[in-house]
Protein backbone atom coordinates (compact mmCIF):
# COMPACT_ATOMS: atom_id res chain seq x y z
CA MET A 1 -1.37 -26.13 -105.31
CA MET A 2 2.42 -26.92 -105.11
CA PHE A 3 1.28 -30.50 -105.35
CA LEU A 4 -0.43 -30.05 -108.54
CA GLN A 5 2.49 -28.14 -109.82
CA LEU A 6 5.02 -30.63 -108.83
CA ALA A 7 2.68 -33.28 -110.82
CA VAL A 8 2.43 -31.30 -114.14
CA LEU A 9 6.03 -30.64 -114.12
CA LEU A 10 6.74 -34.54 -113.43
CA SER A 11 4.31 -35.41 -116.41
CA LEU A 12 6.04 -32.84 -118.75
CA VAL A 13 9.64 -34.20 -117.87
CA LEU A 14 8.54 -38.06 -118.24
CA GLY A 15 6.64 -36.90 -121.54
CA THR A 16 9.72 -35.37 -123.00
CA LEU A 17 12.14 -38.32 -122.17
CA LEU A 18 9.76 -40.92 -123.61
CA TYR A 19 9.83 -38.96 -126.95
CA LEU A 20 13.58 -38.55 -126.96
CA LEU A 21 14.15 -42.30 -126.07
CA THR A 22 11.71 -43.31 -128.69
CA HIS A 23 12.84 -41.07 -131.64
CA SER A 24 16.69 -41.74 -130.46
CA VAL A 25 16.38 -45.20 -131.97
CA HIS A 26 15.47 -43.75 -135.36
CA LEU A 27 19.24 -43.39 -135.63
CA ASP A 28 20.23 -46.80 -135.11
CA ARG A 29 20.74 -47.58 -138.51
CA LEU A 30 23.44 -44.83 -138.98
CA GLN A 31 27.38 -45.11 -138.78
CA PRO A 32 29.25 -43.15 -135.88
CA MET A 33 29.97 -39.45 -136.36
CA CYS A 34 31.62 -38.77 -139.89
CA PRO A 35 33.92 -36.02 -140.21
CA VAL A 36 32.31 -33.01 -141.63
CA GLU A 37 34.01 -31.86 -144.63
CA SER A 38 34.08 -28.15 -145.78
CA ARG A 39 32.10 -27.79 -149.08
CA ALA A 40 31.12 -24.31 -150.49
CA PRO A 41 27.48 -24.06 -151.54
CA PRO A 42 26.91 -23.48 -154.98
CA ALA A 43 26.86 -20.00 -156.56
CA GLY A 44 23.83 -18.37 -156.27
CA ASP A 45 22.77 -20.40 -153.16
CA PRO A 46 21.96 -18.53 -150.13
CA VAL A 47 24.15 -19.03 -147.02
CA GLN A 48 22.07 -20.02 -144.44
CA PHE A 49 21.70 -23.11 -141.62
CA PRO A 50 18.19 -24.02 -141.00
CA PHE A 51 16.95 -24.83 -137.55
CA PRO A 52 18.45 -28.28 -136.55
CA PRO A 53 15.57 -30.76 -137.28
CA LEU A 54 16.12 -32.82 -133.78
CA GLN A 55 16.40 -29.80 -131.74
CA TYR A 56 13.39 -28.14 -133.49
CA LYS A 57 11.46 -31.40 -132.66
CA ARG A 58 12.43 -31.27 -129.03
CA GLY A 59 11.59 -27.36 -128.94
CA LEU A 60 8.33 -27.98 -130.72
CA LEU A 61 7.31 -30.77 -128.31
CA HIS A 62 8.00 -28.57 -125.35
CA LYS A 63 6.13 -25.66 -126.53
CA LEU A 64 3.18 -27.89 -127.38
CA ARG A 65 3.07 -29.24 -123.87
CA ARG A 66 3.18 -25.62 -122.37
CA SER A 67 0.63 -24.34 -124.22
CA ASN A 68 -1.81 -27.40 -124.39
CA ALA A 69 -1.58 -30.75 -123.23
CA THR A 70 -4.06 -32.28 -125.12
CA THR A 71 -2.69 -30.52 -128.48
CA GLY A 72 0.91 -31.77 -127.62
CA ARG A 73 -0.13 -35.37 -126.52
CA LEU A 74 2.34 -37.91 -128.27
CA ILE A 75 0.64 -40.45 -130.38
CA GLN A 76 1.40 -43.54 -132.68
CA GLN A 77 -0.04 -43.16 -135.97
CA LEU A 78 -0.56 -45.03 -138.87
CA PRO A 79 1.96 -44.04 -141.83
CA HIS A 80 0.76 -41.14 -143.84
CA ALA A 81 3.27 -42.29 -146.40
CA VAL A 82 5.14 -45.55 -147.11
CA ILE A 83 8.29 -45.97 -149.30
CA ILE A 84 7.39 -49.15 -150.85
CA GLY A 85 10.62 -50.14 -152.73
CA VAL A 86 12.52 -50.75 -154.55
CA ARG A 87 15.31 -52.87 -153.00
CA LYS A 88 18.70 -51.37 -153.41
CA GLY A 89 16.99 -48.45 -155.09
CA GLY A 90 18.15 -46.35 -152.07
CA THR A 91 15.05 -46.73 -149.79
CA ARG A 92 17.37 -46.31 -146.52
CA ALA A 93 19.03 -43.25 -147.49
CA LEU A 94 15.68 -41.90 -148.70
CA LEU A 95 13.89 -42.38 -145.56
CA GLU A 96 17.09 -41.21 -143.36
CA MET A 97 17.09 -37.88 -145.53
CA LEU A 98 13.54 -37.24 -144.88
CA ASN A 99 13.93 -37.73 -141.43
CA LEU A 100 15.60 -34.60 -141.12
CA HIS A 101 12.72 -32.56 -141.80
CA PRO A 102 10.99 -31.56 -138.62
CA ALA A 103 7.66 -32.62 -139.40
CA VAL A 104 8.52 -36.14 -140.46
CA VAL A 105 9.19 -39.09 -138.26
CA LYS A 106 10.03 -42.44 -139.35
CA ALA A 107 9.80 -46.26 -138.21
CA SER A 108 13.28 -46.99 -137.67
CA GLN A 109 13.17 -50.81 -138.84
CA GLU A 110 11.27 -52.23 -141.66
CA VAL A 111 8.25 -53.46 -140.26
CA HIS A 112 7.21 -55.96 -142.96
CA PHE A 113 3.55 -55.70 -142.11
CA PHE A 114 1.64 -56.11 -145.22
CA ASP A 115 4.18 -58.76 -147.25
CA ASN A 116 4.38 -61.00 -144.29
CA ASP A 117 1.23 -63.11 -143.59
CA HIS A 118 2.03 -63.68 -139.84
CA ASN A 119 2.76 -59.97 -139.27
CA TYR A 120 -0.48 -59.20 -141.12
CA GLY A 121 -2.38 -61.61 -139.10
CA ARG A 122 -1.47 -59.75 -136.03
CA GLY A 123 -3.90 -56.71 -137.19
CA VAL A 124 -3.58 -52.82 -137.67
CA ALA A 125 -3.38 -52.36 -133.96
CA TRP A 126 0.13 -54.33 -134.17
CA TYR A 127 1.48 -52.13 -137.09
CA ARG A 128 0.22 -49.01 -135.32
CA ARG A 129 2.36 -50.00 -132.27
CA ARG A 130 5.48 -50.42 -134.49
CA MET A 131 5.38 -46.77 -135.46
CA PRO A 132 7.10 -44.10 -133.36
CA PHE A 133 5.85 -41.62 -131.21
CA SER A 134 4.74 -38.33 -132.94
CA LEU A 135 3.07 -35.15 -132.70
CA PRO A 136 -0.16 -33.78 -134.18
CA GLY A 137 0.70 -32.39 -137.82
CA GLN A 138 3.64 -34.73 -138.22
CA ILE A 139 3.85 -37.02 -140.83
CA THR A 140 5.00 -40.59 -140.08
CA ILE A 141 6.81 -42.61 -142.94
CA GLU A 142 7.63 -46.39 -142.78
CA LYS A 143 9.68 -48.27 -145.54
CA SER A 144 9.84 -51.84 -146.62
CA PRO A 145 11.04 -52.35 -150.11
CA ALA A 146 9.81 -55.88 -150.58
CA TYR A 147 6.15 -54.07 -150.82
CA PHE A 148 6.83 -53.05 -154.21
CA VAL A 149 7.17 -56.70 -155.63
CA THR A 150 4.85 -58.54 -153.42
CA GLU A 151 1.49 -59.20 -155.06
CA LYS A 152 -0.96 -59.03 -152.18
CA VAL A 153 0.38 -55.70 -150.74
CA PRO A 154 -1.21 -53.43 -152.69
CA GLU A 155 -4.78 -54.54 -151.71
CA ARG A 156 -3.52 -54.99 -148.13
CA ILE A 157 -2.55 -51.32 -148.09
CA PHE A 158 -5.82 -49.85 -149.81
CA ARG A 159 -7.75 -51.49 -147.17
CA MET A 160 -5.96 -49.59 -144.50
CA ASN A 161 -5.83 -46.28 -146.30
CA LEU A 162 -6.93 -45.83 -149.56
CA SER A 163 -5.38 -42.24 -149.63
CA VAL A 164 -2.00 -43.31 -148.25
CA LYS A 165 0.98 -41.67 -150.14
CA LEU A 166 3.31 -43.98 -151.95
CA LEU A 167 6.96 -43.41 -152.37
CA VAL A 168 8.83 -45.52 -155.03
CA ILE A 169 12.77 -45.05 -155.47
CA VAL A 170 14.51 -46.70 -158.38
CA ARG A 171 17.99 -46.90 -160.09
CA GLU A 172 18.96 -47.73 -163.50
CA PRO A 173 17.66 -51.50 -163.59
CA THR A 174 20.77 -53.34 -164.66
CA THR A 175 22.72 -51.47 -161.78
CA ARG A 176 20.14 -51.92 -159.32
CA ALA A 177 19.92 -55.92 -160.11
CA ILE A 178 23.82 -56.04 -159.91
CA SER A 179 23.51 -54.14 -156.51
CA ASP A 180 20.81 -56.68 -155.21
CA TYR A 181 23.00 -59.77 -156.21
CA THR A 182 26.25 -57.93 -154.52
CA GLN A 183 24.31 -57.93 -151.19
CA VAL A 184 23.22 -61.54 -151.19
CA LEU A 185 27.01 -62.30 -152.36
CA GLU A 186 28.28 -60.71 -149.23
CA GLY A 187 26.14 -62.18 -147.12
CA LYS A 188 27.16 -65.77 -148.50
CA GLU A 189 30.77 -64.65 -148.02
CA ARG A 190 30.26 -63.84 -144.54
CA LYS A 191 28.99 -67.37 -143.95
CA ASN A 192 32.05 -69.05 -146.05
CA LYS A 193 29.43 -70.07 -148.65
CA THR A 194 30.06 -70.04 -152.29
CA TYR A 195 27.70 -68.40 -154.66
CA HIS A 196 27.16 -68.21 -158.36
CA SER A 197 28.54 -65.25 -160.53
CA PHE A 198 26.25 -62.72 -161.64
CA GLU A 199 26.45 -63.76 -165.10
CA THR A 200 25.58 -67.54 -164.56
CA LEU A 201 22.32 -66.23 -162.49
CA ALA A 202 21.16 -63.53 -165.04
CA VAL A 203 21.60 -65.50 -168.29
CA ASP A 204 19.66 -68.67 -168.83
CA SER A 205 22.60 -71.49 -169.66
CA SER A 206 20.34 -73.06 -172.18
CA THR A 207 18.48 -70.43 -174.06
CA ARG A 208 21.26 -67.73 -173.61
CA GLU A 209 18.22 -65.23 -172.87
CA VAL A 210 17.83 -63.07 -169.71
CA ASN A 211 16.77 -65.32 -166.86
CA THR A 212 13.51 -63.63 -166.10
CA LYS A 213 13.15 -65.99 -163.18
CA TYR A 214 16.17 -64.62 -161.37
CA LYS A 215 14.41 -62.29 -158.57
CA ALA A 216 17.02 -59.55 -159.00
CA VAL A 217 16.43 -59.34 -162.62
CA ARG A 218 12.56 -59.45 -162.12
CA THR A 219 12.69 -56.88 -159.59
CA SER A 220 14.05 -54.29 -162.16
CA VAL A 221 11.13 -54.53 -164.68
CA TYR A 222 9.46 -51.28 -162.86
CA ALA A 223 6.51 -50.94 -164.86
CA LYS A 224 5.35 -54.51 -164.71
CA HIS A 225 5.16 -54.13 -160.75
CA LEU A 226 3.49 -50.79 -160.97
CA GLU A 227 0.92 -51.57 -163.25
CA HIS A 228 -0.52 -54.15 -160.34
CA TRP A 229 -0.32 -51.30 -157.92
CA LEU A 230 -2.29 -49.19 -160.32
CA GLU A 231 -5.07 -51.58 -159.87
CA PHE A 232 -5.74 -50.26 -156.65
CA PHE A 233 -4.25 -46.66 -156.29
CA PRO A 234 -4.40 -43.67 -158.92
CA VAL A 235 -0.96 -42.55 -160.58
CA GLN A 236 -1.37 -39.20 -158.82
CA GLN A 237 -0.73 -41.08 -155.30
CA PHE A 238 2.69 -42.17 -156.42
CA HIS A 239 5.89 -40.44 -156.38
CA VAL A 240 8.92 -41.81 -158.27
CA VAL A 241 12.47 -40.66 -156.65
CA ASP A 242 15.32 -40.81 -158.87
CA GLY A 243 17.61 -43.04 -156.81
CA ASP A 244 20.87 -42.08 -158.78
CA ARG A 245 20.36 -38.69 -158.59
CA LEU A 246 19.51 -38.93 -154.67
CA ILE A 247 23.53 -40.40 -154.38
CA THR A 248 25.01 -37.32 -156.68
CA ASP A 249 22.72 -34.31 -155.70
CA PRO A 250 20.15 -35.33 -153.16
CA LEU A 251 18.42 -31.99 -152.47
CA PRO A 252 16.31 -31.39 -155.42
CA GLU A 253 14.86 -34.95 -155.14
CA LEU A 254 14.04 -33.93 -151.40
CA ARG A 255 12.32 -30.99 -152.51
CA LEU A 256 10.10 -32.72 -154.79
CA VAL A 257 9.40 -35.31 -152.14
CA GLU A 258 8.63 -32.29 -149.85
CA ARG A 259 6.28 -31.03 -152.43
CA PHE A 260 4.36 -34.23 -153.02
CA LEU A 261 3.88 -34.70 -149.19
CA ASN A 262 2.54 -31.05 -148.92
CA LEU A 263 5.42 -30.02 -146.44
CA ALA A 264 7.13 -26.70 -146.36
CA HIS A 265 10.87 -26.95 -147.34
CA GLY A 266 12.55 -27.98 -144.21
CA ILE A 267 15.75 -29.55 -145.53
CA SER A 268 18.49 -27.58 -146.96
CA ARG A 269 22.19 -28.17 -148.22
CA ASP A 270 23.33 -27.54 -145.00
CA ASN A 271 21.67 -30.57 -143.53
CA LEU A 272 23.76 -32.55 -146.36
CA TYR A 273 27.34 -32.93 -146.93
CA PHE A 274 29.52 -34.97 -149.26
CA ASN A 275 31.97 -37.31 -147.80
CA SER A 276 34.52 -38.20 -150.06
CA THR A 277 35.99 -41.00 -148.05
CA ARG A 278 32.38 -42.84 -148.22
CA GLY A 279 31.64 -41.59 -151.65
CA PHE A 280 28.19 -40.34 -150.80
CA TYR A 281 26.43 -37.57 -148.60
CA CYS A 282 26.01 -37.95 -145.19
CA LEU A 283 23.59 -36.18 -142.90
CA ARG A 284 24.09 -33.15 -140.92
CA PHE A 285 21.64 -32.64 -137.82
CA SER A 286 23.24 -29.77 -136.46
CA ARG A 287 26.62 -27.69 -136.38
CA ARG A 288 28.00 -30.42 -133.96
CA PHE A 289 26.16 -33.69 -134.89
CA SER A 290 26.35 -35.43 -138.24
CA LYS A 291 25.88 -39.03 -139.19
CA CYS A 292 26.59 -41.01 -142.31
CA LEU A 293 24.68 -44.41 -143.69
CA ALA A 294 25.75 -47.69 -142.34
CA GLY A 295 29.31 -49.08 -144.00
CA SER A 296 27.52 -51.45 -146.08
CA LYS A 297 25.91 -48.78 -147.98
CA GLY A 298 27.54 -48.02 -151.23
CA ARG A 299 29.46 -51.53 -151.45
CA PRO A 300 31.69 -52.09 -154.51
CA HIS A 301 30.21 -54.10 -157.55
CA PRO A 302 31.85 -57.15 -159.20
CA ASP A 303 32.83 -56.65 -162.76
CA VAL A 304 30.37 -58.12 -165.09
CA ASP A 305 30.88 -59.16 -168.54
CA PRO A 306 30.16 -56.26 -171.01
CA ALA A 307 28.06 -58.58 -173.32
CA VAL A 308 25.57 -59.68 -170.36
CA LEU A 309 25.37 -55.83 -169.41
CA ASP A 310 24.27 -55.17 -172.86
CA LYS A 311 22.01 -57.87 -173.11
CA LEU A 312 20.32 -56.54 -169.74
CA ARG A 313 19.89 -53.22 -170.95
CA HIS A 314 18.57 -54.40 -174.17
CA PHE A 315 15.93 -56.18 -172.06
CA TYR A 316 14.94 -53.50 -169.77
CA ARG A 317 14.85 -50.81 -172.38
CA PRO A 318 10.98 -51.53 -173.57
CA PHE A 319 9.97 -51.71 -169.85
CA ASN A 320 11.70 -48.53 -169.11
CA GLN A 321 9.92 -46.72 -171.94
CA LYS A 322 6.58 -48.00 -170.29
CA PHE A 323 7.63 -47.04 -166.73
CA TYR A 324 8.53 -43.39 -168.33
CA GLN A 325 4.69 -43.23 -170.13
CA ILE A 326 2.80 -44.26 -166.76
CA THR A 327 4.83 -42.20 -164.41
CA GLY A 328 5.52 -39.28 -166.63
CA ARG A 329 9.08 -38.97 -165.41
CA LYS A 330 12.00 -39.91 -167.82
CA PHE A 331 15.20 -41.37 -166.66
CA ASP A 332 18.49 -41.07 -168.67
CA TRP A 333 18.98 -45.07 -168.56
CA PRO A 334 20.67 -46.67 -171.62
């Protein structure tokens, strides 16, 4: 009898350690602890501190394992929801913020299963092994921004799960294109390589029209990409997140995502605090533990010729109107 008790206890300890080790890698894209700045809640907002998400997940694991070893079994599930884009729209911030929810677990790295032929050829079993361990009832989410603009991806995801929920986070198209350019520029500069100016890439030198062959420009034509996805999925399976609002006031956007995923509210204002040094919101997991996104997030953009900005905004305007009509959500874009 004593041997059986020791065996059960050992299995509980090993299982808990396995869960904590696999879940801890989900914080690998976060910066070391940022100072928690005092921030009074808005008027009328009840002062409360929700259960710390990570501690809650650990407690839930322990409770399930004590009550029913089968029910509490850790498994690797195919994603119930996928953040399919958009590049430089705020996909990493959205994923990390959703991971504050106790019912959500995330793949820590971009898997690039559906847009990479080599990875896709490895099969769904390989894809499942890239997913985090989770408990029954938890939602697994992965994000790979290239999915949104890669032609073969919608059909491949449809073949895996025709009822999967799809999240698209967008920013004002011109701002997003410049942010896209800035990331590439920074990579070139780190390698001591020169790079063209944004104006040179965004505007065709011969026609003086917007250069739609430039990928950063093309990615921001959201309506065109979404129309291709709608050949496989109904619009009800998409939720569009306002990436600009996620920067300035994230909680309302997160509440909308919770509703879309059929989750009870598990994230509150106490889980998010504005870091004035970094210029954006950081994540608070408990009273003593907080994290900020990597330092590369929120990098400053280069100054761009106002005439080029106007040209791009004029170019995007009809596509934006179509995007509003398709999604039923209007954005305050120029």
